[in-house]
């Protein structure tokens, strides 16, 4: 079967299409590379559609994204990046082993996103989880993470944020 990833992404924004694309691109490194290139560089609408498939890959095959983490982290940090990109990259980071050379960069970015009350809730919640995972290797960040979470809870937040915050704070 031959699939034009970009055309398929533009055809339909359904969950089924995202799942089909995710299943197809993980079968070979070349397809995965093409998909990541589209996700990182294409026009807004295509990237938005690709974000759904990336989320599916992150859920089912996070190890397939390991070779692309440097590129994904760099793109997530772009101030003009579409929210779907940022949300799905930080979502991916919850499920993968982040290479040590990215730890500092990821920590700084996730702390910034978590502390920003204007950031999307999903991005903040995923950032909280990534930081919690990293705190196992860097116990010195636990107090800063706890302080930011408690501050966010005092300011008022959604049920999803509160639930994740309570789970993480129980472990601190």
N, C-alpha and C. Protein backbone atom coordinates (compact mmCIF):
# COMPACT_ATOMS: atom_id res chain seq x y z
N UNK A 1 0.84 -1.19 0.00
CA UNK A 1 0.00 0.00 0.00
C UNK A 1 0.88 1.25 0.00
N UNK A 2 0.59 2.16 -0.86
CA UNK A 2 1.32 3.42 -0.93
C UNK A 2 0.41 4.52 -0.41
N UNK A 3 0.94 5.31 0.50
CA UNK A 3 0.14 6.38 1.09
C UNK A 3 0.92 7.68 0.98
N UNK A 4 0.22 8.71 0.56
CA UNK A 4 0.81 10.04 0.61
C UNK A 4 0.36 10.64 1.95
N UNK A 5 1.29 10.70 2.88
CA UNK A 5 0.96 11.10 4.25
C UNK A 5 0.28 12.46 4.27
N UNK A 6 0.86 13.40 3.57
CA UNK A 6 0.34 14.77 3.58
C UNK A 6 -1.10 14.81 3.04
N UNK A 7 -1.33 14.12 1.92
CA UNK A 7 -2.67 14.10 1.33
C UNK A 7 -3.68 13.45 2.28
N UNK A 8 -3.27 12.37 2.90
CA UNK A 8 -4.17 11.67 3.84
C UNK A 8 -4.51 12.57 5.03
N UNK A 9 -3.51 13.30 5.51
CA UNK A 9 -3.75 14.20 6.65
C UNK A 9 -4.77 15.28 6.29
N UNK A 10 -4.69 15.77 5.07
CA UNK A 10 -5.59 16.84 4.65
C UNK A 10 -6.99 16.35 4.30
N UNK A 11 -7.09 15.07 3.98
CA UNK A 11 -8.37 14.49 3.57
C UNK A 11 -9.39 14.47 4.69
N UNK A 12 -8.94 14.04 5.86
CA UNK A 12 -9.89 13.75 6.93
C UNK A 12 -9.19 13.92 8.27
N UNK A 13 -9.84 14.58 9.19
CA UNK A 13 -9.25 14.82 10.52
C UNK A 13 -9.81 13.85 11.56
N UNK A 14 -10.27 12.70 11.12
CA UNK A 14 -10.90 11.77 12.06
C UNK A 14 -9.87 10.99 12.86
N UNK A 15 -10.33 10.46 13.95
CA UNK A 15 -9.50 9.60 14.80
C UNK A 15 -9.04 8.38 14.02
N UNK A 16 -9.92 7.84 13.19
CA UNK A 16 -9.60 6.64 12.41
C UNK A 16 -8.44 6.90 11.45
N UNK A 17 -8.47 8.04 10.77
CA UNK A 17 -7.39 8.38 9.84
C UNK A 17 -6.08 8.57 10.60
N UNK A 18 -6.14 9.25 11.73
CA UNK A 18 -4.92 9.43 12.55
C UNK A 18 -4.35 8.08 12.95
N UNK A 19 -5.21 7.16 13.33
CA UNK A 19 -4.76 5.82 13.72
C UNK A 19 -4.16 5.07 12.54
N UNK A 20 -4.77 5.19 11.35
CA UNK A 20 -4.24 4.53 10.15
C UNK A 20 -2.87 5.09 9.79
N UNK A 21 -2.75 6.40 9.83
CA UNK A 21 -1.46 7.02 9.51
C UNK A 21 -0.41 6.60 10.51
N UNK A 22 -0.74 6.63 11.79
CA UNK A 22 0.21 6.23 12.83
C UNK A 22 0.66 4.79 12.61
N UNK A 23 -0.28 3.90 12.34
CA UNK A 23 0.06 2.48 12.12
C UNK A 23 0.94 2.31 10.89
N UNK A 24 0.69 3.10 9.86
CA UNK A 24 1.44 2.97 8.62
C UNK A 24 2.86 3.53 8.76
N UNK A 25 3.01 4.69 9.38
CA UNK A 25 4.34 5.33 9.41
C UNK A 25 5.32 4.61 10.33
N UNK A 26 4.83 3.90 11.34
CA UNK A 26 5.78 3.24 12.24
C UNK A 26 6.38 1.97 11.64
N UNK A 27 5.90 1.55 10.47
CA UNK A 27 6.38 0.30 9.89
C UNK A 27 7.77 0.40 9.28
N UNK A 28 8.19 1.59 8.88
CA UNK A 28 9.55 1.74 8.35
C UNK A 28 10.15 3.07 8.80
N UNK A 29 11.47 3.09 9.00
CA UNK A 29 12.12 4.36 9.39
C UNK A 29 11.91 5.47 8.36
N UNK A 30 11.88 5.12 7.07
CA UNK A 30 11.70 6.14 6.04
C UNK A 30 10.34 6.83 6.17
N UNK A 31 9.31 6.05 6.40
CA UNK A 31 7.97 6.63 6.57
C UNK A 31 7.92 7.51 7.82
N UNK A 32 8.53 7.01 8.87
CA UNK A 32 8.54 7.77 10.12
C UNK A 32 9.27 9.09 9.93
N UNK A 33 10.39 9.03 9.24
CA UNK A 33 11.17 10.25 8.97
C UNK A 33 10.34 11.25 8.16
N UNK A 34 9.64 10.76 7.15
CA UNK A 34 8.80 11.64 6.33
C UNK A 34 7.68 12.26 7.18
N UNK A 35 7.07 11.45 8.02
CA UNK A 35 6.00 11.94 8.89
C UNK A 35 6.52 13.03 9.84
N UNK A 36 7.65 12.78 10.48
CA UNK A 36 8.22 13.75 11.42
C UNK A 36 8.56 15.05 10.68
N UNK A 37 9.09 14.93 9.47
CA UNK A 37 9.41 16.12 8.68
C UNK A 37 8.13 16.94 8.43
N UNK A 38 7.06 16.27 8.07
CA UNK A 38 5.78 16.97 7.85
C UNK A 38 5.33 17.64 9.15
N UNK A 39 5.38 16.89 10.24
CA UNK A 39 4.94 17.42 11.54
C UNK A 39 5.74 18.65 11.95
N UNK A 40 7.02 18.66 11.65
CA UNK A 40 7.89 19.75 12.10
C UNK A 40 7.92 20.95 11.16
N UNK A 41 7.59 20.76 9.89
CA UNK A 41 7.87 21.83 8.94
C UNK A 41 6.70 22.27 8.06
N UNK A 42 5.66 21.51 7.99
CA UNK A 42 4.61 21.82 7.02
C UNK A 42 3.76 23.00 7.48
N UNK A 43 2.79 23.34 6.66
CA UNK A 43 1.89 24.45 6.97
C UNK A 43 1.00 24.11 8.17
N UNK A 44 0.48 25.13 8.76
CA UNK A 44 -0.30 25.06 9.99
C UNK A 44 -1.34 23.94 9.99
N UNK A 45 -2.19 23.89 8.99
CA UNK A 45 -3.30 22.92 8.95
C UNK A 45 -2.78 21.49 8.90
N UNK A 46 -1.76 21.24 8.11
CA UNK A 46 -1.20 19.89 7.98
C UNK A 46 -0.56 19.46 9.30
N UNK A 47 0.17 20.37 9.91
CA UNK A 47 0.81 20.08 11.20
C UNK A 47 -0.24 19.78 12.26
N UNK A 48 -1.30 20.54 12.26
CA UNK A 48 -2.39 20.33 13.21
C UNK A 48 -2.98 18.92 13.04
N UNK A 49 -3.16 18.51 11.80
CA UNK A 49 -3.69 17.16 11.54
C UNK A 49 -2.68 16.09 11.94
N UNK A 50 -1.41 16.34 11.65
CA UNK A 50 -0.36 15.37 11.99
C UNK A 50 -0.23 15.19 13.49
N UNK A 51 -0.57 16.21 14.24
CA UNK A 51 -0.45 16.14 15.70
C UNK A 51 -1.31 15.02 16.27
N UNK A 52 -2.45 14.77 15.69
CA UNK A 52 -3.32 13.68 16.16
C UNK A 52 -2.63 12.33 15.99
N UNK A 53 -2.02 12.13 14.82
CA UNK A 53 -1.32 10.87 14.57
C UNK A 53 -0.10 10.73 15.47
N UNK A 54 0.60 11.84 15.71
CA UNK A 54 1.76 11.80 16.61
C UNK A 54 1.32 11.38 18.01
N UNK A 55 0.21 11.90 18.46
CA UNK A 55 -0.31 11.51 19.76
C UNK A 55 -0.60 10.02 19.84
N UNK A 56 -1.13 9.47 18.76
CA UNK A 56 -1.41 8.03 18.71
C UNK A 56 -0.11 7.23 18.75
N UNK A 57 0.90 7.69 18.02
CA UNK A 57 2.21 7.02 18.05
C UNK A 57 2.78 7.08 19.47
N UNK A 58 2.66 8.23 20.10
CA UNK A 58 3.17 8.38 21.47
C UNK A 58 2.48 7.42 22.42
N UNK A 59 1.19 7.24 22.26
CA UNK A 59 0.44 6.33 23.13
C UNK A 59 0.83 4.87 22.91
N UNK A 60 0.94 4.47 21.65
CA UNK A 60 1.10 3.05 21.32
C UNK A 60 2.54 2.61 21.07
N UNK A 61 3.37 3.51 20.54
CA UNK A 61 4.74 3.15 20.15
C UNK A 61 5.72 4.28 20.47
N UNK A 62 5.80 4.71 21.72
CA UNK A 62 6.65 5.86 22.04
C UNK A 62 8.11 5.67 21.64
N UNK A 63 8.60 4.44 21.66
CA UNK A 63 9.99 4.19 21.30
C UNK A 63 10.28 4.55 19.84
N UNK A 64 9.26 4.54 18.99
CA UNK A 64 9.45 4.91 17.58
C UNK A 64 9.82 6.38 17.43
N UNK A 65 9.53 7.18 18.44
CA UNK A 65 9.82 8.62 18.39
C UNK A 65 11.18 8.97 18.97
N UNK A 66 11.82 8.01 19.62
CA UNK A 66 13.10 8.25 20.29
C UNK A 66 14.14 8.94 19.39
N UNK A 67 14.33 8.48 18.14
CA UNK A 67 15.36 9.11 17.29
C UNK A 67 15.07 10.57 16.93
N UNK A 68 13.86 11.02 17.17
CA UNK A 68 13.45 12.37 16.75
C UNK A 68 13.29 13.34 17.91
N UNK A 69 13.66 12.91 19.10
CA UNK A 69 13.41 13.75 20.27
C UNK A 69 14.12 15.10 20.22
N UNK A 70 15.36 15.12 19.74
CA UNK A 70 16.07 16.41 19.64
C UNK A 70 15.27 17.40 18.80
N UNK A 71 14.81 16.94 17.64
CA UNK A 71 14.04 17.80 16.73
C UNK A 71 12.71 18.21 17.36
N UNK A 72 12.05 17.26 17.99
CA UNK A 72 10.74 17.55 18.59
C UNK A 72 10.86 18.57 19.72
N UNK A 73 11.87 18.39 20.57
CA UNK A 73 12.07 19.33 21.69
C UNK A 73 12.38 20.72 21.16
N UNK A 74 13.23 20.79 20.15
CA UNK A 74 13.57 22.10 19.59
C UNK A 74 12.32 22.79 19.02
N UNK A 75 11.50 22.04 18.32
CA UNK A 75 10.29 22.62 17.72
C UNK A 75 9.29 23.06 18.79
N UNK A 76 9.19 22.28 19.86
CA UNK A 76 8.28 22.61 20.95
C UNK A 76 8.64 23.96 21.57
N UNK A 77 9.91 24.31 21.54
CA UNK A 77 10.38 25.55 22.16
C UNK A 77 10.18 26.78 21.29
N UNK A 78 9.82 26.59 20.04
CA UNK A 78 9.60 27.71 19.13
C UNK A 78 8.40 28.52 19.63
N UNK A 79 8.59 29.83 19.87
CA UNK A 79 7.48 30.63 20.41
C UNK A 79 6.27 30.72 19.47
N UNK A 80 6.48 30.49 18.18
CA UNK A 80 5.38 30.58 17.22
C UNK A 80 4.76 29.22 16.89
N UNK A 81 5.14 28.21 17.63
CA UNK A 81 4.67 26.86 17.32
C UNK A 81 3.17 26.73 17.61
N UNK A 82 2.50 25.96 16.78
CA UNK A 82 1.07 25.70 16.97
C UNK A 82 0.87 24.93 18.28
N UNK A 83 -0.18 25.23 19.00
CA UNK A 83 -0.45 24.59 20.29
C UNK A 83 -0.54 23.07 20.15
N UNK A 84 -1.04 22.57 19.03
CA UNK A 84 -1.14 21.12 18.83
C UNK A 84 0.24 20.48 18.81
N UNK A 85 1.22 21.19 18.26
CA UNK A 85 2.59 20.67 18.24
C UNK A 85 3.13 20.63 19.66
N UNK A 86 3.03 21.74 20.35
CA UNK A 86 3.55 21.81 21.71
C UNK A 86 2.89 20.76 22.61
N UNK A 87 1.58 20.68 22.54
CA UNK A 87 0.84 19.74 23.38
C UNK A 87 1.27 18.30 23.10
N UNK A 88 1.39 17.95 21.84
CA UNK A 88 1.72 16.56 21.51
C UNK A 88 3.18 16.22 21.73
N UNK A 89 4.07 17.18 21.59
CA UNK A 89 5.47 16.90 21.90
C UNK A 89 5.64 16.68 23.39
N UNK A 90 5.07 17.54 24.21
CA UNK A 90 5.22 17.36 25.65
C UNK A 90 4.48 16.09 26.10
N UNK A 91 3.42 15.75 25.41
CA UNK A 91 2.73 14.48 25.67
C UNK A 91 3.66 13.30 25.40
N UNK A 92 4.37 13.35 24.27
CA UNK A 92 5.35 12.31 23.92
C UNK A 92 6.39 12.17 25.03
N UNK A 93 6.85 13.30 25.54
CA UNK A 93 7.92 13.29 26.54
C UNK A 93 7.51 12.57 27.83
N UNK A 94 6.22 12.43 28.06
CA UNK A 94 5.76 11.68 29.23
C UNK A 94 6.06 10.19 29.11
N UNK A 95 6.15 9.69 27.87
CA UNK A 95 6.20 8.26 27.63
C UNK A 95 7.55 7.72 27.18
N UNK A 96 8.48 8.59 26.90
CA UNK A 96 9.78 8.14 26.37
C UNK A 96 10.88 8.34 27.40
N UNK A 97 11.98 7.65 27.17
CA UNK A 97 13.18 7.90 27.96
C UNK A 97 13.87 9.09 27.32
N UNK A 98 13.84 10.21 28.00
CA UNK A 98 14.45 11.43 27.47
C UNK A 98 15.96 11.29 27.58
N UNK A 99 16.68 11.47 26.47
CA UNK A 99 18.14 11.37 26.54
C UNK A 99 18.72 12.39 27.52
N UNK A 100 19.77 11.99 28.19
CA UNK A 100 20.35 12.84 29.24
C UNK A 100 20.74 14.22 28.72
N UNK A 101 21.22 14.30 27.48
CA UNK A 101 21.65 15.60 26.95
C UNK A 101 20.48 16.58 26.78
N UNK A 102 19.25 16.07 26.83
CA UNK A 102 18.07 16.94 26.72
C UNK A 102 17.44 17.26 28.07
N UNK A 103 17.89 16.64 29.14
CA UNK A 103 17.25 16.82 30.44
C UNK A 103 17.13 18.28 30.85
N UNK A 104 18.22 19.03 30.80
CA UNK A 104 18.20 20.43 31.23
C UNK A 104 17.25 21.27 30.40
N UNK A 105 17.33 21.09 29.10
CA UNK A 105 16.48 21.84 28.17
C UNK A 105 15.00 21.52 28.40
N UNK A 106 14.70 20.24 28.55
CA UNK A 106 13.32 19.82 28.76
C UNK A 106 12.82 20.32 30.12
N UNK A 107 13.66 20.21 31.15
CA UNK A 107 13.25 20.70 32.47
C UNK A 107 12.91 22.19 32.43
N UNK A 108 13.81 22.98 31.85
CA UNK A 108 13.58 24.42 31.78
C UNK A 108 12.29 24.75 31.02
N UNK A 109 12.11 24.11 29.89
CA UNK A 109 10.92 24.37 29.08
C UNK A 109 9.65 23.94 29.81
N UNK A 110 9.68 22.77 30.43
CA UNK A 110 8.49 22.28 31.15
C UNK A 110 8.19 23.14 32.37
N UNK A 111 9.22 23.60 33.08
CA UNK A 111 8.97 24.50 34.21
C UNK A 111 8.32 25.80 33.72
N UNK A 112 8.84 26.33 32.61
CA UNK A 112 8.26 27.57 32.06
C UNK A 112 6.80 27.37 31.67
N UNK A 113 6.51 26.25 31.01
CA UNK A 113 5.13 26.01 30.56
C UNK A 113 4.21 25.74 31.74
N UNK A 114 4.69 25.00 32.73
CA UNK A 114 3.87 24.71 33.91
C UNK A 114 3.54 25.98 34.68
N UNK A 115 4.49 26.87 34.79
CA UNK A 115 4.30 28.09 35.59
C UNK A 115 3.48 29.16 34.87
N UNK A 116 3.28 29.00 33.56
CA UNK A 116 2.57 30.01 32.78
C UNK A 116 1.06 29.79 32.86
N UNK A 117 0.34 30.66 33.57
CA UNK A 117 -1.11 30.46 33.70
C UNK A 117 -1.86 30.61 32.37
N UNK A 118 -1.20 31.19 31.37
CA UNK A 118 -1.84 31.35 30.06
C UNK A 118 -1.61 30.15 29.14
N UNK A 119 -0.79 29.23 29.58
CA UNK A 119 -0.51 28.03 28.78
C UNK A 119 -1.73 27.11 28.81
N UNK A 120 -1.92 26.35 27.76
CA UNK A 120 -3.04 25.40 27.70
C UNK A 120 -2.93 24.40 28.85
N UNK A 121 -4.07 24.03 29.40
CA UNK A 121 -4.09 23.11 30.55
C UNK A 121 -3.39 21.80 30.22
N UNK A 122 -3.66 21.23 29.06
CA UNK A 122 -3.03 19.95 28.71
C UNK A 122 -1.51 20.07 28.70
N UNK A 123 -0.98 21.16 28.16
CA UNK A 123 0.47 21.37 28.13
C UNK A 123 1.01 21.46 29.55
N UNK A 124 0.31 22.16 30.42
CA UNK A 124 0.75 22.29 31.81
C UNK A 124 0.70 20.96 32.54
N UNK A 125 -0.36 20.20 32.33
CA UNK A 125 -0.50 18.90 32.99
C UNK A 125 0.57 17.94 32.49
N UNK A 126 0.80 17.88 31.18
CA UNK A 126 1.84 17.00 30.64
C UNK A 126 3.22 17.44 31.14
N UNK A 127 3.45 18.75 31.22
CA UNK A 127 4.73 19.27 31.73
C UNK A 127 4.95 18.82 33.17
N UNK A 128 3.90 18.86 33.95
CA UNK A 128 3.98 18.43 35.35
C UNK A 128 4.44 16.97 35.42
N UNK A 129 3.88 16.13 34.57
CA UNK A 129 4.23 14.71 34.56
C UNK A 129 5.68 14.51 34.12
N UNK A 130 6.10 15.21 33.08
CA UNK A 130 7.48 15.10 32.61
C UNK A 130 8.44 15.50 33.73
N UNK A 131 8.15 16.59 34.40
CA UNK A 131 9.01 17.05 35.50
C UNK A 131 9.00 16.06 36.65
N UNK A 132 7.87 15.46 36.92
CA UNK A 132 7.81 14.45 37.97
C UNK A 132 8.71 13.27 37.62
N UNK A 133 8.68 12.83 36.37
CA UNK A 133 9.56 11.74 35.94
C UNK A 133 11.03 12.13 36.08
N UNK A 134 11.36 13.34 35.65
CA UNK A 134 12.75 13.80 35.72
C UNK A 134 13.22 13.99 37.16
N UNK A 135 12.29 14.27 38.06
CA UNK A 135 12.67 14.49 39.46
C UNK A 135 13.20 13.21 40.11
N UNK A 136 12.95 12.09 39.51
CA UNK A 136 13.50 10.83 40.03
C UNK A 136 15.01 10.78 39.81
N UNK A 137 15.48 11.41 38.73
CA UNK A 137 16.92 11.50 38.47
C UNK A 137 17.53 12.77 39.06
N UNK A 138 16.70 13.78 39.25
CA UNK A 138 17.15 15.07 39.76
C UNK A 138 16.28 15.47 40.96
N UNK A 139 16.51 14.85 42.11
CA UNK A 139 15.65 15.14 43.27
C UNK A 139 15.66 16.61 43.69
N UNK A 140 16.69 17.33 43.28
CA UNK A 140 16.77 18.75 43.65
C UNK A 140 15.68 19.60 43.01
N UNK A 141 14.99 19.10 41.98
CA UNK A 141 13.92 19.89 41.37
C UNK A 141 12.56 19.66 42.04
N UNK A 142 12.50 18.70 42.94
CA UNK A 142 11.21 18.36 43.58
C UNK A 142 10.58 19.55 44.30
N UNK A 143 11.38 20.32 45.02
CA UNK A 143 10.82 21.45 45.78
C UNK A 143 10.29 22.53 44.85
N UNK A 144 11.02 22.81 43.77
CA UNK A 144 10.54 23.82 42.81
C UNK A 144 9.24 23.34 42.15
N UNK A 145 9.20 22.07 41.79
CA UNK A 145 8.00 21.50 41.19
C UNK A 145 6.82 21.60 42.16
N UNK A 146 7.05 21.24 43.40
CA UNK A 146 6.01 21.30 44.42
C UNK A 146 5.51 22.74 44.60
N UNK A 147 6.44 23.69 44.66
CA UNK A 147 6.07 25.10 44.86
C UNK A 147 5.22 25.62 43.71
N UNK A 148 5.59 25.29 42.49
CA UNK A 148 4.82 25.76 41.33
C UNK A 148 3.44 25.12 41.31
N UNK A 149 3.38 23.83 41.59
CA UNK A 149 2.08 23.15 41.60
C UNK A 149 1.18 23.76 42.67
N UNK A 150 1.71 23.96 43.86
CA UNK A 150 0.90 24.54 44.94
C UNK A 150 0.44 25.95 44.59
N UNK A 151 1.31 26.72 43.96
CA UNK A 151 0.94 28.07 43.53
C UNK A 151 -0.21 28.02 42.52
N UNK A 152 -0.11 27.11 41.57
CA UNK A 152 -1.16 26.96 40.55
C UNK A 152 -2.48 26.53 41.19
N UNK A 153 -2.40 25.64 42.17
CA UNK A 153 -3.62 25.19 42.86
C UNK A 153 -4.29 26.34 43.60
N UNK A 154 -3.48 27.21 44.21
CA UNK A 154 -4.03 28.36 44.93
C UNK A 154 -4.71 29.35 43.99
N UNK A 155 -4.18 29.47 42.78
CA UNK A 155 -4.74 30.41 41.81
C UNK A 155 -6.03 29.90 41.18
N UNK A 156 -6.32 28.65 41.39
CA UNK A 156 -7.51 28.05 40.77
C UNK A 156 -7.13 27.37 39.48
N UNK A 157 -7.67 26.20 39.26
CA UNK A 157 -7.32 25.44 38.07
C UNK A 157 -8.44 24.45 37.75
N UNK A 158 -8.27 23.74 36.65
CA UNK A 158 -9.28 22.78 36.22
C UNK A 158 -9.20 21.50 37.05
N UNK A 159 -10.22 20.70 36.93
CA UNK A 159 -10.26 19.41 37.63
C UNK A 159 -9.12 18.51 37.16
N UNK A 160 -8.82 18.53 35.86
CA UNK A 160 -7.73 17.70 35.33
C UNK A 160 -6.39 18.10 35.94
N UNK A 161 -6.15 19.40 36.02
CA UNK A 161 -4.91 19.89 36.61
C UNK A 161 -4.85 19.49 38.08
N UNK A 162 -5.93 19.71 38.78
CA UNK A 162 -5.98 19.41 40.21
C UNK A 162 -5.73 17.92 40.47
N UNK A 163 -6.34 17.06 39.68
CA UNK A 163 -6.18 15.61 39.86
C UNK A 163 -4.72 15.19 39.65
N UNK A 164 -4.10 15.68 38.58
CA UNK A 164 -2.70 15.32 38.32
C UNK A 164 -1.81 15.91 39.39
N UNK A 165 -2.08 17.13 39.79
CA UNK A 165 -1.27 17.80 40.82
C UNK A 165 -1.31 17.01 42.13
N UNK A 166 -2.49 16.58 42.52
CA UNK A 166 -2.61 15.82 43.77
C UNK A 166 -1.85 14.51 43.70
N UNK A 167 -1.92 13.84 42.57
CA UNK A 167 -1.19 12.58 42.39
C UNK A 167 0.31 12.82 42.53
N UNK A 168 0.81 13.86 41.90
CA UNK A 168 2.24 14.15 41.94
C UNK A 168 2.66 14.62 43.32
N UNK A 169 1.86 15.45 43.95
CA UNK A 169 2.21 15.95 45.29
C UNK A 169 2.24 14.83 46.33
N UNK A 170 1.42 13.82 46.15
CA UNK A 170 1.43 12.68 47.08
C UNK A 170 2.79 11.98 47.08
N UNK A 171 3.44 12.00 45.91
CA UNK A 171 4.75 11.34 45.79
C UNK A 171 5.91 12.21 46.24
N UNK A 172 5.66 13.45 46.60
CA UNK A 172 6.75 14.37 46.96
C UNK A 172 7.02 14.34 48.44
